[in-house]
Amino acid sequence: MTPTLAQRVGLASVALPEDARRPLLAARAAAGCFLTLGTLVFAAAAAGNDLRGSALFATGASAALALLLVCCYERLPRHTNRLIALAGTLIVAQLTLFQPSGELYAPLYLGVVTYVSFFFSRTQALAQLLVAVGLWGVAAGHVHTADDAAQIWILGAGTLVATAAMTRWLRDRLLRTAERAEAHRATLDAFFQHAPAGFGHLDCELRHVRVNQALAEIMGHERHEIEGRTLRELAPRNADVLEPLARRVLESGEAVLGIEIENSDGKCHLVSYYPVPGLSGIVGVGTAVTDVTHQKAVERTLEETNRKLTLLATTDELTQLPNRRMFGEQLELALARARRGGLAVAVLCLDLDRFKEVNDSLGHAYGDRTLVEVAARLRAGARATDVVARVGGDEFLILLADLDVQHAPELAETVINRIRTLLADPLAVDAVEIKIDTCIGVAIYPTDSRQADGLLAAADAAMYLSKHALTRVA
């Protein structure tokens, strides 16, 4: 890219690589030195009403060299730049030799020495310094006696050498600082460009100034398509959520972290905004975007797995009724409510008679289907708030909670009768009708026991008493 004249003189910005930007800066500095030299010469000559040929020549030559450097710096051979710097020294020498009170122009040597000491190599700068010192000595001897010229030359030469040494020291310090800054910037750029997360920089108008490759891939565009476009243009689906957050960061200077959004393609991302400080306050917004689609999928899988494990841990796999563990938890909760509210709790324990004969005569498949049918009838016979559980091979428990203490036995007996009625009809399993009888025992809190284990034991004992009595009748 070839800079325009406006870009060369700094009136318009220009984006150049580092190896092309440094020569431009050097050319601007040299042109500035020559323009300053010409301006000072013209001003001094005009103030002394001494606009002679040498002053006008120095002014014109300085302006011409400045223009040459700015317009043609990249095409000038390296030795030409050295000759131009030498021309600056000769211009000052011409002024000190041929202008009246020429020694007054001697400080202009400092500008030339400063420039060459800063922008030239050590050897080239030393050569330019020796020429300047020599010409200064010639100029001093031209207008002074030998003794005075020697003193003036020593003073001037010492000043030039000190200026060169200080400029060189300052140059080396600045270069080392710039190299360290460049190394740090290269390191940060490496992290920025190759980070697995998406990073970007937005200006105060929420336009993307710079983005890394990961953010470009997340947004589904090329990097050059993103830079310069606003947040709303690139993310219209989520702009109403993200844009106010980014503006809040600009106004408050406080970061906003971990905003979860979902794109139209179903991908999930975590978006964070943080302030980018500058000399005049907050100058932009940094953004970090992480694709968490896989993590969300894993979370959903884990949640579903946990749900299934919980279901397996608390549910009877065959009948889908609660198992003993779940029944125990529900019983403890019911007893806690009963203790607080002065209520009653009833536990019914059921055992199927002659179920072993079904397994032995028809097989376990018919036995399992019989249990499923019994579970359905028990669930139909209980209230909607009751808990029906299978706790063994052919053993079931029913929990009647939140009962009135006085009417608890009557309600329990009502449920028992309803269950007996439902189980009185034969169970149709394929083409086979199976007749199942049941023995039911009941225990009521607080009359039979005040603890869960006691209630279960009392209900179990009542069920066995009922079975024994049925056996004796048979």
Protein backbone atom coordinates (compact mmCIF):
# COMPACT_ATOMS: atom_id res chain seq x y z
CA MET A 1 0.00 0.00 0.00
CA THR A 2 1.37 3.43 -1.01
CA PRO A 3 0.29 6.21 1.41
CA THR A 4 -1.31 9.35 0.02
CA LEU A 5 0.22 12.78 0.65
CA ALA A 6 -2.33 13.47 3.40
CA GLN A 7 -1.40 10.17 5.05
CA ARG A 8 2.33 10.89 4.68
CA VAL A 9 2.07 14.21 6.53
CA GLY A 10 -0.29 12.81 9.18
CA LEU A 11 -3.52 14.50 8.08
CA ALA A 12 -5.18 11.12 7.48
CA SER A 13 -4.76 7.82 9.28
CA VAL A 14 -3.03 4.96 7.55
CA ALA A 15 -2.77 1.27 8.49
CA LEU A 16 0.69 -0.03 7.66
CA PRO A 17 2.63 -3.07 8.86
CA GLU A 18 5.33 -2.46 11.42
CA ASP A 19 8.22 -2.67 8.93
CA ALA A 20 6.58 0.02 6.76
CA ARG A 21 5.38 2.26 9.59
CA ARG A 22 8.81 2.95 11.06
CA PRO A 23 10.33 4.44 7.84
CA LEU A 24 7.29 6.71 7.55
CA LEU A 25 7.76 7.95 11.11
CA ALA A 26 11.46 8.56 10.46
CA ALA A 27 10.65 10.48 7.26
CA ARG A 28 8.12 12.63 9.11
CA ALA A 29 10.65 13.38 11.84
CA ALA A 30 13.35 14.32 9.33
CA ALA A 31 10.94 16.50 7.35
CA GLY A 32 9.88 18.17 10.57
CA CYS A 33 13.51 18.91 11.43
CA PHE A 34 14.16 20.48 8.03
CA LEU A 35 10.97 22.54 8.17
CA THR A 36 11.87 23.73 11.65
CA LEU A 37 15.38 24.57 10.45
CA GLY A 38 14.06 26.58 7.50
CA THR A 39 11.48 28.37 9.63
CA LEU A 40 14.04 29.34 12.26
CA VAL A 41 16.49 30.59 9.63
CA PHE A 42 13.84 32.66 7.90
CA ALA A 43 12.51 34.06 11.19
CA ALA A 44 16.00 34.95 12.43
CA ALA A 45 16.96 36.59 9.16
CA ALA A 46 13.71 38.53 8.98
CA ALA A 47 14.05 39.70 12.57
CA GLY A 48 17.56 40.97 11.83
CA ASN A 49 16.50 42.46 8.48
CA ASP A 50 19.14 40.25 6.91
CA LEU A 51 17.28 38.30 4.22
CA ARG A 52 20.34 37.68 2.08
CA GLY A 53 20.96 34.93 -0.42
CA SER A 54 22.41 32.50 2.12
CA ALA A 55 19.34 32.77 4.39
CA LEU A 56 16.93 32.37 1.51
CA PHE A 57 18.97 29.47 0.15
CA ALA A 58 18.93 27.75 3.55
CA THR A 59 15.17 28.24 3.88
CA GLY A 60 14.43 26.97 0.38
CA ALA A 61 16.81 24.04 0.64
CA SER A 62 15.31 22.99 3.96
CA ALA A 63 11.77 23.09 2.55
CA ALA A 64 12.84 21.16 -0.57
CA LEU A 65 14.54 18.45 1.47
CA ALA A 66 11.49 18.16 3.74
CA LEU A 67 9.21 17.72 0.74
CA LEU A 68 11.59 15.19 -0.84
CA LEU A 69 11.68 13.10 2.33
CA VAL A 70 7.93 13.04 2.79
CA CYS A 71 7.06 12.28 -0.82
CA CYS A 72 9.81 9.83 -1.75
CA TYR A 73 11.13 8.34 1.50
CA GLU A 74 10.33 4.73 0.53
CA ARG A 75 12.08 5.06 -2.86
CA LEU A 76 15.23 6.78 -1.64
CA PRO A 77 18.36 4.58 -1.37
CA ARG A 78 19.76 4.24 2.12
CA HIS A 79 22.91 6.28 1.33
CA THR A 80 20.71 9.11 0.01
CA ASN A 81 19.22 9.59 3.48
CA ARG A 82 22.73 9.97 4.85
CA LEU A 83 23.53 12.57 2.19
CA ILE A 84 20.34 14.45 3.05
CA ALA A 85 21.33 14.51 6.72
CA LEU A 86 24.78 15.78 5.65
CA ALA A 87 23.03 18.44 3.56
CA GLY A 88 21.34 19.67 6.71
CA THR A 89 24.73 20.01 8.37
CA LEU A 90 26.10 21.90 5.36
CA ILE A 91 23.12 24.26 5.38
CA VAL A 92 23.83 25.19 8.98
CA ALA A 93 27.54 25.54 8.15
CA GLN A 94 26.72 27.87 5.25
CA LEU A 95 24.71 30.06 7.61
CA THR A 96 27.41 30.16 10.26
CA LEU A 97 30.09 31.01 7.67
CA PHE A 98 28.36 33.52 5.43
CA GLN A 99 25.61 35.15 7.46
CA PRO A 100 26.48 38.13 9.65
CA SER A 101 26.58 36.99 13.28
CA GLY A 102 26.73 33.48 11.89
CA GLU A 103 27.64 31.98 15.25
CA LEU A 104 24.08 32.70 16.32
CA TYR A 105 22.98 29.93 13.94
CA ALA A 106 25.30 27.39 15.55
CA PRO A 107 22.60 25.93 17.86
CA LEU A 108 20.95 24.59 14.71
CA TYR A 109 23.68 21.96 14.67
CA LEU A 110 21.95 20.51 17.72
CA GLY A 111 18.86 19.68 15.68
CA VAL A 112 20.88 17.90 13.03
CA VAL A 113 22.93 16.00 15.60
CA THR A 114 19.82 15.04 17.54
CA TYR A 115 18.16 13.69 14.40
CA VAL A 116 21.09 11.62 13.15
CA SER A 117 21.84 10.32 16.65
CA PHE A 118 18.28 9.11 17.00
CA PHE A 119 17.53 7.68 13.55
CA PHE A 120 20.94 6.59 12.23
CA SER A 121 23.18 3.75 13.28
CA ARG A 122 25.94 4.42 15.78
CA THR A 123 28.66 4.55 13.11
CA GLN A 124 26.68 6.82 10.79
CA ALA A 125 25.70 9.10 13.66
CA LEU A 126 29.36 9.35 14.75
CA ALA A 127 30.40 10.29 11.22
CA GLN A 128 27.73 13.00 11.05
CA LEU A 129 28.76 14.26 14.48
CA LEU A 130 32.42 14.54 13.41
CA VAL A 131 31.41 16.52 10.31
CA ALA A 132 29.29 18.87 12.42
CA VAL A 133 32.07 19.36 14.97
CA GLY A 134 34.58 20.01 12.20
CA LEU A 135 32.36 22.52 10.41
CA TRP A 136 31.62 24.24 13.69
CA GLY A 137 35.34 24.60 14.24
CA VAL A 138 35.76 26.10 10.76
CA ALA A 139 32.94 28.54 11.44
CA ALA A 140 34.40 29.57 14.80
CA GLY A 141 37.88 30.10 13.31
CA HIS A 142 36.41 32.13 10.49
CA VAL A 143 35.18 34.94 12.73
CA HIS A 144 37.36 34.74 15.86
CA THR A 145 40.99 34.79 16.85
CA ALA A 146 42.71 31.48 17.35
CA ASP A 147 42.43 31.52 21.15
CA ASP A 148 38.79 32.57 21.18
CA ALA A 149 37.96 30.16 18.36
CA ALA A 150 39.50 27.28 20.29
CA GLN A 151 37.45 28.06 23.39
CA ILE A 152 34.26 28.50 21.39
CA TRP A 153 34.93 25.30 19.44
CA ILE A 154 35.56 23.29 22.61
CA LEU A 155 32.36 24.60 24.16
CA GLY A 156 30.30 23.92 21.05
CA ALA A 157 31.87 20.54 20.36
CA GLY A 158 31.24 19.47 23.94
CA THR A 159 27.62 20.53 23.63
CA LEU A 160 27.20 18.58 20.37
CA VAL A 161 28.84 15.48 21.80
CA ALA A 162 26.76 15.67 24.97
CA THR A 163 23.60 16.13 22.91
CA ALA A 164 24.50 13.16 20.73
CA ALA A 165 25.31 10.99 23.74
CA MET A 166 22.11 11.90 25.56
CA THR A 167 20.02 11.41 22.42
CA ARG A 168 21.64 8.05 21.81
CA TRP A 169 21.01 6.94 25.40
CA LEU A 170 17.41 8.07 25.20
CA ARG A 171 17.02 6.30 21.84
CA ASP A 172 18.37 3.04 23.23
CA ARG A 173 16.04 3.25 26.22
CA LEU A 174 13.05 3.96 24.04
CA LEU A 175 13.94 1.14 21.65
CA ARG A 176 14.29 -1.33 24.51
CA THR A 177 10.97 -0.18 25.91
CA ALA A 178 9.37 -0.45 22.49
CA GLU A 179 10.81 -3.93 21.98
CA ARG A 180 9.45 -5.09 25.32
CA ALA A 181 6.08 -3.55 24.52
CA GLU A 182 6.15 -5.21 21.12
CA ALA A 183 7.01 -8.56 22.69
CA HIS A 184 4.18 -8.19 25.20
CA ARG A 185 1.81 -7.18 22.44
CA ALA A 186 2.88 -10.16 20.32
CA THR A 187 2.26 -12.45 23.29
CA LEU A 188 -1.17 -10.97 23.92
CA ASP A 189 -1.96 -11.10 20.21
CA ALA A 190 -1.03 -14.77 20.16
CA PHE A 191 -3.42 -15.49 23.03
CA PHE A 192 -6.08 -13.26 21.46
CA GLN A 193 -5.90 -14.80 18.00
CA HIS A 194 -5.54 -18.45 18.99
CA ALA A 195 -7.72 -18.61 22.11
CA PRO A 196 -10.48 -21.24 21.90
CA ALA A 197 -12.99 -18.67 23.17
CA GLY A 198 -14.21 -15.76 21.07
CA PHE A 199 -12.74 -12.35 21.93
CA GLY A 200 -13.54 -8.98 20.44
CA HIS A 201 -13.25 -5.23 20.96
CA LEU A 202 -16.23 -2.92 20.41
CA ASP A 203 -16.01 0.86 20.24
CA CYS A 204 -18.40 3.28 21.95
CA GLU A 205 -20.88 2.84 19.10
CA LEU A 206 -20.76 -0.93 19.63
CA ARG A 207 -19.02 -1.51 16.32
CA HIS A 208 -16.59 -4.42 16.20
CA VAL A 209 -13.09 -2.93 15.99
CA ARG A 210 -11.25 -6.23 16.23
CA VAL A 211 -12.22 -9.88 16.65
CA ASN A 212 -10.32 -13.15 16.79
CA GLN A 213 -10.90 -16.18 14.61
CA ALA A 214 -12.90 -18.05 17.26
CA LEU A 215 -15.44 -15.22 17.54
CA ALA A 216 -15.71 -15.03 13.76
CA GLU A 217 -16.49 -18.76 13.64
CA ILE A 218 -19.07 -18.44 16.42
CA MET A 219 -20.79 -15.61 14.54
CA GLY A 220 -20.60 -17.51 11.26
CA HIS A 221 -18.76 -14.78 9.33
CA GLU A 222 -15.28 -14.02 8.11
CA ARG A 223 -13.27 -11.67 10.29
CA HIS A 224 -13.21 -8.92 7.68
CA GLU A 225 -17.01 -9.15 7.45
CA ILE A 226 -17.39 -8.56 11.19
CA GLU A 227 -14.96 -5.71 11.80
CA GLY A 228 -16.73 -2.36 11.43
CA ARG A 229 -20.25 -3.77 11.86
CA THR A 230 -22.42 -3.15 14.90
CA LEU A 231 -23.60 -5.64 17.47
CA ARG A 232 -27.19 -5.34 16.28
CA GLU A 233 -26.21 -6.01 12.68
CA LEU A 234 -24.39 -9.21 13.55
CA ALA A 235 -26.68 -10.56 16.27
CA PRO A 236 -30.21 -9.27 15.57
CA ARG A 237 -31.84 -12.22 17.37
CA ASN A 238 -30.18 -11.37 20.71
CA ALA A 239 -29.51 -7.66 20.21
CA ASP A 240 -32.36 -6.57 22.49
CA VAL A 241 -30.68 -8.47 25.33
CA LEU A 242 -27.01 -7.88 24.59
CA GLU A 243 -27.03 -4.26 23.43
CA PRO A 244 -28.40 -2.77 26.71
CA LEU A 245 -25.85 -4.81 28.67
CA ALA A 246 -22.95 -3.53 26.54
CA ARG A 247 -24.15 0.06 26.92
CA ARG A 248 -24.45 -0.42 30.67
CA VAL A 249 -20.80 -1.46 30.73
CA LEU A 250 -19.88 1.73 28.84
CA GLU A 251 -21.85 3.89 31.27
CA SER A 252 -21.01 2.21 34.57
CA GLY A 253 -17.58 0.75 33.89
CA GLU A 254 -18.64 -2.53 35.55
CA ALA A 255 -18.30 -5.87 33.81
CA VAL A 256 -21.28 -8.06 32.96
CA LEU A 257 -20.33 -11.72 33.03
CA GLY A 258 -21.83 -15.04 31.99
CA ILE A 259 -24.97 -14.05 30.05
CA GLU A 260 -26.42 -17.21 28.51
CA ILE A 261 -27.90 -16.84 25.04
CA GLU A 262 -29.11 -19.28 22.40
CA ASN A 263 -28.65 -18.70 18.67
CA SER A 264 -31.14 -19.51 15.96
CA ASP A 265 -29.17 -22.68 15.17
CA GLY A 266 -29.71 -23.95 18.72
CA LYS A 267 -26.17 -23.35 19.93
CA CYS A 268 -25.71 -21.94 23.43
CA HIS A 269 -23.10 -19.34 24.33
CA LEU A 270 -21.93 -17.52 27.44
CA VAL A 271 -21.33 -13.83 26.70
CA SER A 272 -19.36 -11.48 28.95
CA TYR A 273 -18.73 -7.75 28.54
CA TYR A 274 -16.02 -5.77 30.33
CA PRO A 275 -14.91 -2.13 30.06
CA VAL A 276 -11.85 -1.12 28.01
CA PRO A 277 -10.21 1.85 29.76
CA GLY A 278 -8.41 4.69 27.97
CA LEU A 279 -6.84 8.03 28.81
CA SER A 280 -10.23 9.75 28.67
CA GLY A 281 -12.23 7.04 30.47
CA ILE A 282 -14.02 4.03 29.02
CA VAL A 283 -13.23 3.90 25.29
CA GLY A 284 -14.86 0.62 24.37
CA VAL A 285 -16.20 -2.74 25.41
CA GLY A 286 -14.35 -6.03 25.41
CA THR A 287 -16.40 -9.13 24.73
CA ALA A 288 -15.72 -12.77 25.47
CA VAL A 289 -17.97 -15.46 24.00
CA THR A 290 -17.71 -19.14 24.91
CA ASP A 291 -19.56 -21.91 23.09
CA VAL A 292 -21.20 -24.03 25.80
CA THR A 293 -23.45 -26.08 23.53
CA HIS A 294 -21.63 -29.30 24.39
CA GLN A 295 -21.61 -28.51 28.12
CA LYS A 296 -25.34 -27.77 28.06
CA ALA A 297 -25.98 -31.04 26.24
CA VAL A 298 -23.92 -32.86 28.87
CA GLU A 299 -25.85 -31.09 31.64
CA ARG A 300 -29.17 -32.11 30.12
CA THR A 301 -27.93 -35.69 29.76
CA LEU A 302 -26.79 -35.72 33.38
CA GLU A 303 -30.08 -34.25 34.54
CA GLU A 304 -32.00 -36.89 32.62
CA THR A 305 -29.70 -39.60 33.96
CA ASN A 306 -30.15 -38.33 37.51
CA ARG A 307 -33.90 -38.24 37.01
CA LYS A 308 -33.88 -41.81 35.79
CA LEU A 309 -31.60 -42.93 38.62
CA THR A 310 -33.83 -41.19 41.15
CA LEU A 311 -36.85 -42.86 39.57
CA LEU A 312 -35.13 -46.24 39.70
CA ALA A 313 -34.12 -45.67 43.30
CA THR A 314 -37.63 -44.72 44.42
CA THR A 315 -39.93 -46.63 42.04
CA ASP A 316 -40.78 -50.28 41.60
CA GLU A 317 -39.63 -51.13 38.09
CA LEU A 318 -42.44 -53.61 37.38
CA THR A 319 -45.53 -51.73 38.60
CA GLN A 320 -44.13 -48.16 38.50
CA LEU A 321 -45.43 -47.69 42.05
CA PRO A 322 -43.24 -46.14 44.75
CA ASN A 323 -40.90 -48.63 46.40
CA ARG A 324 -40.17 -49.15 50.11
CA ARG A 325 -37.64 -46.28 50.19
CA MET A 326 -40.06 -43.74 48.73
CA PHE A 327 -42.89 -45.01 50.92
CA GLY A 328 -40.71 -44.56 54.00
CA GLU A 329 -39.88 -40.97 53.04
CA GLN A 330 -43.54 -40.14 52.42
CA LEU A 331 -44.52 -41.76 55.71
CA GLU A 332 -42.00 -39.64 57.65
CA LEU A 333 -43.33 -36.48 55.99
CA ALA A 334 -46.93 -37.46 56.76
CA LEU A 335 -46.07 -38.15 60.42
CA ALA A 336 -44.30 -34.77 60.69
CA ARG A 337 -47.44 -33.01 59.41
CA ALA A 338 -49.62 -35.07 61.72
CA ARG A 339 -47.52 -34.13 64.78
CA ARG A 340 -47.74 -30.43 63.93
CA GLY A 341 -51.45 -30.40 63.07
CA GLY A 342 -52.86 -33.00 65.44
CA LEU A 343 -53.86 -35.29 62.58
CA ALA A 344 -53.92 -39.04 62.07
CA VAL A 345 -52.08 -41.31 59.62
CA ALA A 346 -53.13 -44.82 58.56
CA VAL A 347 -50.92 -47.49 57.00
CA LEU A 348 -52.49 -50.43 55.16
CA CYS A 349 -50.43 -53.58 54.58
CA LEU A 350 -51.65 -55.95 51.84
CA ASP A 351 -50.53 -59.44 50.93
CA LEU A 352 -51.88 -61.47 48.00
CA ASP A 353 -53.11 -64.98 48.79
CA ARG A 354 -52.16 -67.93 46.57
CA PHE A 355 -49.97 -65.72 44.38
CA LYS A 356 -47.24 -68.38 44.51
CA GLU A 357 -49.68 -70.77 42.81
CA VAL A 358 -49.99 -68.34 39.88
CA ASN A 359 -46.22 -68.26 39.41
CA ASP A 360 -45.89 -72.03 39.75
CA SER A 361 -48.79 -72.94 37.45
CA LEU A 362 -48.73 -70.20 34.82
CA GLY A 363 -45.17 -68.94 34.99
CA HIS A 364 -43.51 -65.75 36.17
CA ALA A 365 -44.63 -63.77 33.11
CA TYR A 366 -48.28 -64.25 34.15
CA GLY A 367 -47.28 -63.53 37.73
CA ASP A 368 -45.69 -60.21 36.75
CA ARG A 369 -48.72 -59.18 34.69
CA THR A 370 -50.96 -60.12 37.60
CA LEU A 371 -48.96 -57.82 39.90
CA VAL A 372 -49.27 -54.98 37.37
CA GLU A 373 -53.06 -55.44 37.25
CA VAL A 374 -53.30 -55.59 41.05
CA ALA A 375 -51.23 -52.40 41.30
CA ALA A 376 -53.61 -50.61 38.90
CA ARG A 377 -56.67 -51.70 40.94
CA LEU A 378 -55.05 -50.63 44.20
CA ARG A 379 -54.24 -47.24 42.73
CA ALA A 380 -57.88 -46.93 41.57
CA GLY A 381 -59.18 -47.87 44.99
CA ALA A 382 -57.05 -45.37 46.92
CA ARG A 383 -57.59 -41.62 47.10
CA ALA A 384 -55.66 -39.29 44.81
CA THR A 385 -53.57 -38.12 47.78
CA ASP A 386 -52.79 -41.60 49.06
CA VAL A 387 -49.46 -43.33 48.44
CA VAL A 388 -49.64 -46.89 47.06
CA ALA A 389 -46.31 -48.76 47.08
CA ARG A 390 -45.05 -52.22 46.26
CA VAL A 391 -42.52 -53.24 48.90
CA GLY A 392 -42.02 -56.95 48.20
CA GLY A 393 -42.89 -59.80 45.87
CA ASP A 394 -46.67 -59.68 46.45
CA GLU A 395 -46.74 -57.20 49.34
CA PHE A 396 -48.17 -53.70 49.01
CA LEU A 397 -48.48 -50.72 51.36
CA ILE A 398 -50.98 -47.85 51.26
CA LEU A 399 -50.45 -44.59 53.14
CA LEU A 400 -53.51 -42.55 54.15
CA ALA A 401 -52.24 -39.17 55.37
CA ASP A 402 -53.76 -36.01 56.91
CA LEU A 403 -56.77 -37.81 58.46
CA ASP A 404 -59.05 -36.59 61.19
CA VAL A 405 -58.14 -38.47 64.36
CA GLN A 406 -61.71 -39.46 65.22
CA HIS A 407 -62.67 -40.57 61.72
CA ALA A 408 -59.37 -42.21 60.73
CA PRO A 409 -60.50 -45.82 61.49
CA GLU A 410 -63.73 -45.37 59.53
CA LEU A 411 -61.89 -43.87 56.52
CA ALA A 412 -59.31 -46.64 56.59
CA GLU A 413 -62.09 -49.24 56.67
CA THR A 414 -63.77 -47.51 53.71
CA VAL A 415 -60.60 -47.75 51.65
CA ILE A 416 -60.15 -51.40 52.65
CA ASN A 417 -63.65 -52.30 51.56
CA ARG A 418 -63.20 -50.47 48.26
CA ILE A 419 -59.99 -52.37 47.60
CA ARG A 420 -61.56 -55.71 48.46
CA THR A 421 -64.40 -54.95 46.06
CA LEU A 422 -61.99 -54.05 43.25
CA LEU A 423 -59.91 -57.20 43.79
CA ALA A 424 -62.97 -59.46 44.09
CA ASP A 425 -63.42 -59.57 40.34
CA PRO A 426 -61.11 -62.03 38.53
CA LEU A 427 -58.07 -60.54 36.82
CA ALA A 428 -58.03 -61.05 33.04
CA VAL A 429 -54.48 -61.84 31.88
CA ASP A 430 -54.67 -62.71 28.19
CA ALA A 431 -57.25 -65.48 27.94
CA VAL A 432 -56.76 -66.53 31.57
CA GLU A 433 -58.86 -65.29 34.47
CA ILE A 434 -57.02 -65.27 37.76
CA LYS A 435 -58.79 -65.04 41.14
CA ILE A 436 -56.78 -63.20 43.76
CA ASP A 437 -57.65 -62.75 47.43
CA THR A 438 -55.84 -60.38 49.75
CA CYS A 439 -55.24 -59.98 53.46
CA ILE A 440 -55.11 -56.42 54.73
CA GLY A 441 -53.78 -55.12 57.99
CA VAL A 442 -54.10 -51.52 59.24
CA ALA A 443 -52.23 -49.44 61.80
CA ILE A 444 -53.12 -45.85 62.77
CA TYR A 445 -51.04 -43.01 64.22
CA PRO A 446 -51.19 -42.08 67.05
CA THR A 447 -53.18 -44.96 68.57
CA ASP A 448 -51.12 -47.93 67.33
CA SER A 449 -47.69 -46.27 67.22
CA ARG A 450 -46.10 -42.83 67.05
CA GLN A 451 -43.09 -43.84 64.92
CA ALA A 452 -42.81 -44.93 61.30
CA ASP A 453 -41.16 -48.26 62.09
CA GLY A 454 -43.80 -48.99 64.74
CA LEU A 455 -46.64 -48.26 62.35
CA LEU A 456 -45.17 -50.52 59.67
CA ALA A 457 -44.64 -53.31 62.19
CA ALA A 458 -48.18 -52.93 63.55
CA ALA A 459 -49.73 -52.97 60.08
CA ASP A 460 -47.67 -56.02 59.14
CA ALA A 461 -48.71 -57.81 62.31
CA ALA A 462 -52.37 -56.96 61.67
CA MET A 463 -52.07 -58.32 58.14
CA TYR A 464 -50.65 -61.63 59.39
CA LEU A 465 -53.40 -61.89 62.00
CA SER A 466 -55.94 -61.41 59.21
CA LYS A 467 -54.23 -64.09 57.10
CA HIS A 468 -54.11 -66.51 60.06
CA ALA A 469 -57.77 -65.94 60.77
CA LEU A 470 -58.62 -66.55 57.09
CA THR A 471 -56.60 -69.75 57.14
CA ARG A 472 -58.41 -71.03 60.22
CA VAL A 473 -61.79 -70.30 58.60
CA ALA A 474 -60.76 -72.13 55.46
